[in-house]
Amino acid sequence: MGASAVREHYDEEQAIALVCLVAMINATDRLGVILDDQGGSYVPGDLSTVAG
């Protein structure tokens, strides 16, 4: 999908936000690989003691 295909569906601000989201997801995935994180291991409520 080229830039022109993206511009057919999104305005400039939305396209920038989309690129930022994709970059953030990519960075998170790479960090998970570095930390050897097992995906899907989060259990709701696990962070309640950290939050306070």
PDB file of N, CA and C in Angstrom:
ATOM      1  N   MET A   1       0.851  -1.174   0.000  1.00  0.00           N
ATOM      2  CA  MET A   1       0.000   0.000   0.000  1.00  0.00           C
ATOM      3  C   MET A   1       0.894   1.234   0.000  1.00  0.00           C
ATOM      4  N   GLY A   2       0.722   2.078  -0.964  1.00  0.00           N
ATOM      5  CA  GLY A   2       1.535   3.280  -1.081  1.00  0.00           C
ATOM      6  C   GLY A   2       0.918   4.456  -0.345  1.00  0.00           C
ATOM      7  N   ALA A   3       1.667   5.557  -0.341  1.00  0.00           N
ATOM      8  CA  ALA A   3       1.213   6.765   0.335  1.00  0.00           C
ATOM      9  C   ALA A   3      -0.100   7.275  -0.248  1.00  0.00           C
ATOM     10  N   SER A   4      -0.254   7.152  -1.568  1.00  0.00           N
ATOM     11  CA  SER A   4      -1.486   7.648  -2.186  1.00  0.00           C
ATOM     12  C   SER A   4      -2.699   6.837  -1.728  1.00  0.00           C
ATOM     13  N   ALA A   5      -2.523   5.543  -1.492  1.00  0.00           N
ATOM     14  CA  ALA A   5      -3.631   4.714  -1.003  1.00  0.00           C
ATOM     15  C   ALA A   5      -4.020   5.119   0.411  1.00  0.00           C
ATOM     16  N   VAL A   6      -3.040   5.482   1.220  1.00  0.00           N
ATOM     17  CA  VAL A   6      -3.317   5.925   2.590  1.00  0.00           C
ATOM     18  C   VAL A   6      -4.063   7.254   2.544  1.00  0.00           C
ATOM     19  N   ARG A   7      -3.622   8.150   1.682  1.00  0.00           N
ATOM     20  CA  ARG A   7      -4.241   9.477   1.590  1.00  0.00           C
ATOM     21  C   ARG A   7      -5.675   9.422   1.068  1.00  0.00           C
ATOM     22  N   GLU A   8      -6.047   8.338   0.423  1.00  0.00           N
ATOM     23  CA  GLU A   8      -7.430   8.188  -0.023  1.00  0.00           C
ATOM     24  C   GLU A   8      -8.380   8.017   1.162  1.00  0.00           C
ATOM     25  N   HIS A   9      -7.863   7.477   2.262  1.00  0.00           N
ATOM     26  CA  HIS A   9      -8.700   7.142   3.406  1.00  0.00           C
ATOM     27  C   HIS A   9      -8.480   8.044   4.621  1.00  0.00           C
ATOM     28  N   TYR A  10      -7.311   8.670   4.716  1.00  0.00           N
ATOM     29  CA  TYR A  10      -6.970   9.466   5.895  1.00  0.00           C
ATOM     30  C   TYR A  10      -6.463  10.837   5.482  1.00  0.00           C
ATOM     31  N   ASP A  11      -6.755  11.847   6.309  1.00  0.00           N
ATOM     32  CA  ASP A  11      -6.169  13.165   6.062  1.00  0.00           C
ATOM     33  C   ASP A  11      -4.741  13.179   6.622  1.00  0.00           C
ATOM     34  N   GLU A  12      -4.055  14.297   6.484  1.00  0.00           N
ATOM     35  CA  GLU A  12      -2.640  14.384   6.879  1.00  0.00           C
ATOM     36  C   GLU A  12      -2.428  14.069   8.362  1.00  0.00           C
ATOM     37  N   GLU A  13      -3.249  14.643   9.214  1.00  0.00           N
ATOM     38  CA  GLU A  13      -3.107  14.434  10.659  1.00  0.00           C
ATOM     39  C   GLU A  13      -3.356  12.972  11.036  1.00  0.00           C
ATOM     40  N   GLN A  14      -4.354  12.353  10.435  1.00  0.00           N
ATOM     41  CA  GLN A  14      -4.647  10.951  10.722  1.00  0.00           C
ATOM     42  C   GLN A  14      -3.541  10.037  10.209  1.00  0.00           C
ATOM     43  N   ALA A  15      -2.959  10.358   9.062  1.00  0.00           N
ATOM     44  CA  ALA A  15      -1.862   9.549   8.523  1.00  0.00           C
ATOM     45  C   ALA A  15      -0.644   9.615   9.436  1.00  0.00           C
ATOM     46  N   ILE A  16      -0.362  10.799   9.954  1.00  0.00           N
ATOM     47  CA  ILE A  16       0.767  10.954  10.885  1.00  0.00           C
ATOM     48  C   ILE A  16       0.511  10.143  12.152  1.00  0.00           C
ATOM     49  N   ALA A  17      -0.709  10.205  12.680  1.00  0.00           N
ATOM     50  CA  ALA A  17      -1.051   9.441  13.882  1.00  0.00           C
ATOM     51  C   ALA A  17      -0.923   7.944  13.624  1.00  0.00           C
ATOM     52  N   LEU A  18      -1.340   7.500  12.446  1.00  0.00           N
ATOM     53  CA  LEU A  18      -1.236   6.088  12.087  1.00  0.00           C
ATOM     54  C   LEU A  18       0.220   5.629  12.054  1.00  0.00           C
ATOM     55  N   VAL A  19       1.085   6.428  11.445  1.00  0.00           N
ATOM     56  CA  VAL A  19       2.509   6.094  11.385  1.00  0.00           C
ATOM     57  C   VAL A  19       3.102   6.038  12.791  1.00  0.00           C
ATOM     58  N   CYS A  20       2.715   6.980  13.653  1.00  0.00           N
ATOM     59  CA  CYS A  20       3.211   6.980  15.032  1.00  0.00           C
ATOM     60  C   CYS A  20       2.758   5.732  15.794  1.00  0.00           C
ATOM     61  N   LEU A  21       1.520   5.340  15.606  1.00  0.00           N
ATOM     62  CA  LEU A  21       1.019   4.136  16.274  1.00  0.00           C
ATOM     63  C   LEU A  21       1.739   2.878  15.802  1.00  0.00           C
ATOM     64  N   VAL A  22       1.958   2.781  14.501  1.00  0.00           N
ATOM     65  CA  VAL A  22       2.675   1.621  13.968  1.00  0.00           C
ATOM     66  C   VAL A  22       4.100   1.585  14.514  1.00  0.00           C
ATOM     67  N   ALA A  23       4.750   2.744  14.588  1.00  0.00           N
ATOM     68  CA  ALA A  23       6.112   2.809  15.132  1.00  0.00           C
ATOM     69  C   ALA A  23       6.140   2.416  16.605  1.00  0.00           C
ATOM     70  N   MET A  24       5.131   2.847  17.370  1.00  0.00           N
ATOM     71  CA  MET A  24       5.080   2.509  18.796  1.00  0.00           C
ATOM     72  C   MET A  24       4.845   1.008  19.002  1.00  0.00           C
ATOM     73  N   ILE A  25       3.963   0.426  18.211  1.00  0.00           N
ATOM     74  CA  ILE A  25       3.712  -1.015  18.310  1.00  0.00           C
ATOM     75  C   ILE A  25       4.976  -1.784  17.940  1.00  0.00           C
ATOM     76  N   ASN A  26       5.670  -1.341  16.899  1.00  0.00           N
ATOM     77  CA  ASN A  26       6.903  -1.995  16.477  1.00  0.00           C
ATOM     78  C   ASN A  26       7.951  -1.929  17.588  1.00  0.00           C
ATOM     79  N   ALA A  27       8.103  -0.762  18.199  1.00  0.00           N
ATOM     80  CA  ALA A  27       9.085  -0.597  19.280  1.00  0.00           C
ATOM     81  C   ALA A  27       8.735  -1.481  20.476  1.00  0.00           C
ATOM     82  N   THR A  28       7.454  -1.551  20.807  1.00  0.00           N
ATOM     83  CA  THR A  28       7.014  -2.397  21.920  1.00  0.00           C
ATOM     84  C   THR A  28       7.294  -3.866  21.637  1.00  0.00           C
ATOM     85  N   ASP A  29       7.031  -4.290  20.412  1.00  0.00           N
ATOM     86  CA  ASP A  29       7.309  -5.682  20.040  1.00  0.00           C
ATOM     87  C   ASP A  29       8.801  -5.982  20.121  1.00  0.00           C
ATOM     88  N   ARG A  30       9.623  -5.066  19.643  1.00  0.00           N
ATOM     89  CA  ARG A  30      11.079  -5.278  19.694  1.00  0.00           C
ATOM     90  C   ARG A  30      11.584  -5.325  21.124  1.00  0.00           C
ATOM     91  N   LEU A  31      11.040  -4.472  21.991  1.00  0.00           N
ATOM     92  CA  LEU A  31      11.432  -4.485  23.395  1.00  0.00           C
ATOM     93  C   LEU A  31      11.024  -5.804  24.044  1.00  0.00           C
ATOM     94  N   GLY A  32       9.861  -6.321  23.681  1.00  0.00           N
ATOM     95  CA  GLY A  32       9.426  -7.612  24.200  1.00  0.00           C
ATOM     96  C   GLY A  32      10.361  -8.737  23.809  1.00  0.00           C
ATOM     97  N   VAL A  33      10.889  -8.681  22.590  1.00  0.00           N
ATOM     98  CA  VAL A  33      11.847  -9.698  22.143  1.00  0.00           C
ATOM     99  C   VAL A  33      13.137  -9.586  22.946  1.00  0.00           C
ATOM    100  N   ILE A  34      13.620  -8.357  23.140  1.00  0.00           N
ATOM    101  CA  ILE A  34      14.857  -8.145  23.895  1.00  0.00           C
ATOM    102  C   ILE A  34      14.706  -8.653  25.328  1.00  0.00           C
ATOM    103  N   LEU A  35      13.549  -8.406  25.933  1.00  0.00           N
ATOM    104  CA  LEU A  35      13.312  -8.809  27.324  1.00  0.00           C
ATOM    105  C   LEU A  35      12.815 -10.241  27.447  1.00  0.00           C
ATOM    106  N   ASP A  36      12.699 -10.930  26.321  1.00  0.00           N
ATOM    107  CA  ASP A  36      12.219 -12.309  26.279  1.00  0.00           C
ATOM    108  C   ASP A  36      10.864 -12.428  26.971  1.00  0.00           C
ATOM    109  N   ASP A  37       9.985 -11.474  26.662  1.00  0.00           N
ATOM    110  CA  ASP A  37       8.655 -11.432  27.257  1.00  0.00           C
ATOM    111  C   ASP A  37       7.741 -12.448  26.582  1.00  0.00           C
ATOM    112  N   GLN A  38       7.051 -13.226  27.380  1.00  0.00           N
ATOM    113  CA  GLN A  38       6.086 -14.181  26.866  1.00  0.00           C
ATOM    114  C   GLN A  38       4.776 -13.446  26.636  1.00  0.00           C
ATOM    115  N   GLY A  39       4.402 -13.259  25.390  1.00  0.00           N
ATOM    116  CA  GLY A  39       3.173 -12.550  25.063  1.00  0.00           C
ATOM    117  C   GLY A  39       1.956 -13.242  25.650  1.00  0.00           C
ATOM    118  N   GLY A  40       0.990 -12.439  26.069  1.00  0.00           N
ATOM    119  CA  GLY A  40      -0.246 -12.985  26.617  1.00  0.00           C
ATOM    120  C   GLY A  40      -0.148 -13.434  28.059  1.00  0.00           C
ATOM    121  N   SER A  41       0.937 -13.079  28.732  1.00  0.00           N
ATOM    122  CA  SER A  41       1.119 -13.549  30.107  1.00  0.00           C
ATOM    123  C   SER A  41       0.515 -12.608  31.143  1.00  0.00           C
ATOM    124  N   TYR A  42      -0.012 -11.466  30.712  1.00  0.00           N
ATOM    125  CA  TYR A  42      -0.599 -10.516  31.656  1.00  0.00           C
ATOM    126  C   TYR A  42      -1.909 -11.044  32.223  1.00  0.00           C
ATOM    127  N   VAL A  43      -2.054 -10.914  33.520  1.00  0.00           N
ATOM    128  CA  VAL A  43      -3.284 -11.307  34.199  1.00  0.00           C
ATOM    129  C   VAL A  43      -3.883 -10.032  34.789  1.00  0.00           C
ATOM    130  N   PRO A  44      -5.143  -9.722  34.467  1.00  0.00           N
ATOM    131  CA  PRO A  44      -5.763  -8.501  35.012  1.00  0.00           C
ATOM    132  C   PRO A  44      -5.639  -8.442  36.524  1.00  0.00           C
ATOM    133  N   GLY A  45      -5.222  -7.279  37.025  1.00  0.00           N
ATOM    134  CA  GLY A  45      -5.054  -7.094  38.461  1.00  0.00           C
ATOM    135  C   GLY A  45      -3.627  -7.255  38.921  1.00  0.00           C
ATOM    136  N   ASP A  46      -2.733  -7.774  38.060  1.00  0.00           N
ATOM    137  CA  ASP A  46      -1.335  -7.972  38.433  1.00  0.00           C
ATOM    138  C   ASP A  46      -0.640  -6.679  38.860  1.00  0.00           C
ATOM    139  N   LEU A  47      -1.013  -5.562  38.238  1.00  0.00           N
ATOM    140  CA  LEU A  47      -0.328  -4.307  38.512  1.00  0.00           C
ATOM    141  C   LEU A  47      -1.022  -3.478  39.592  1.00  0.00           C
ATOM    142  N   SER A  48      -2.053  -4.012  40.220  1.00  0.00           N
ATOM    143  CA  SER A  48      -2.798  -3.244  41.222  1.00  0.00           C
ATOM    144  C   SER A  48      -1.936  -2.898  42.432  1.00  0.00           C
ATOM    145  N   THR A  49      -0.999  -3.746  42.784  1.00  0.00           N
ATOM    146  CA  THR A  49      -0.122  -3.438  43.929  1.00  0.00           C
ATOM    147  C   THR A  49       0.893  -2.362  43.570  1.00  0.00           C
ATOM    148  N   VAL A  50       1.265  -2.259  42.314  1.00  0.00           N
ATOM    149  CA  VAL A  50       2.207  -1.241  41.875  1.00  0.00           C
ATOM    150  C   VAL A  50       1.544   0.123  41.846  1.00  0.00           C
ATOM    151  N   ALA A  51       0.292   0.158  41.417  1.00  0.00           N
ATOM    152  CA  ALA A  51      -0.424   1.423  41.260  1.00  0.00           C
ATOM    153  C   ALA A  51      -0.748   2.084  42.600  1.00  0.00           C
ATOM    154  N   GLY A  52      -0.757   1.304  43.621  1.00  0.00           N
ATOM    155  CA  GLY A  52      -0.908   1.967  44.866  1.00  0.00           C
ATOM    156  C   GLY A  52      -1.954   1.619  45.774  1.00  0.00           C
TER     157      GLY A  52
END
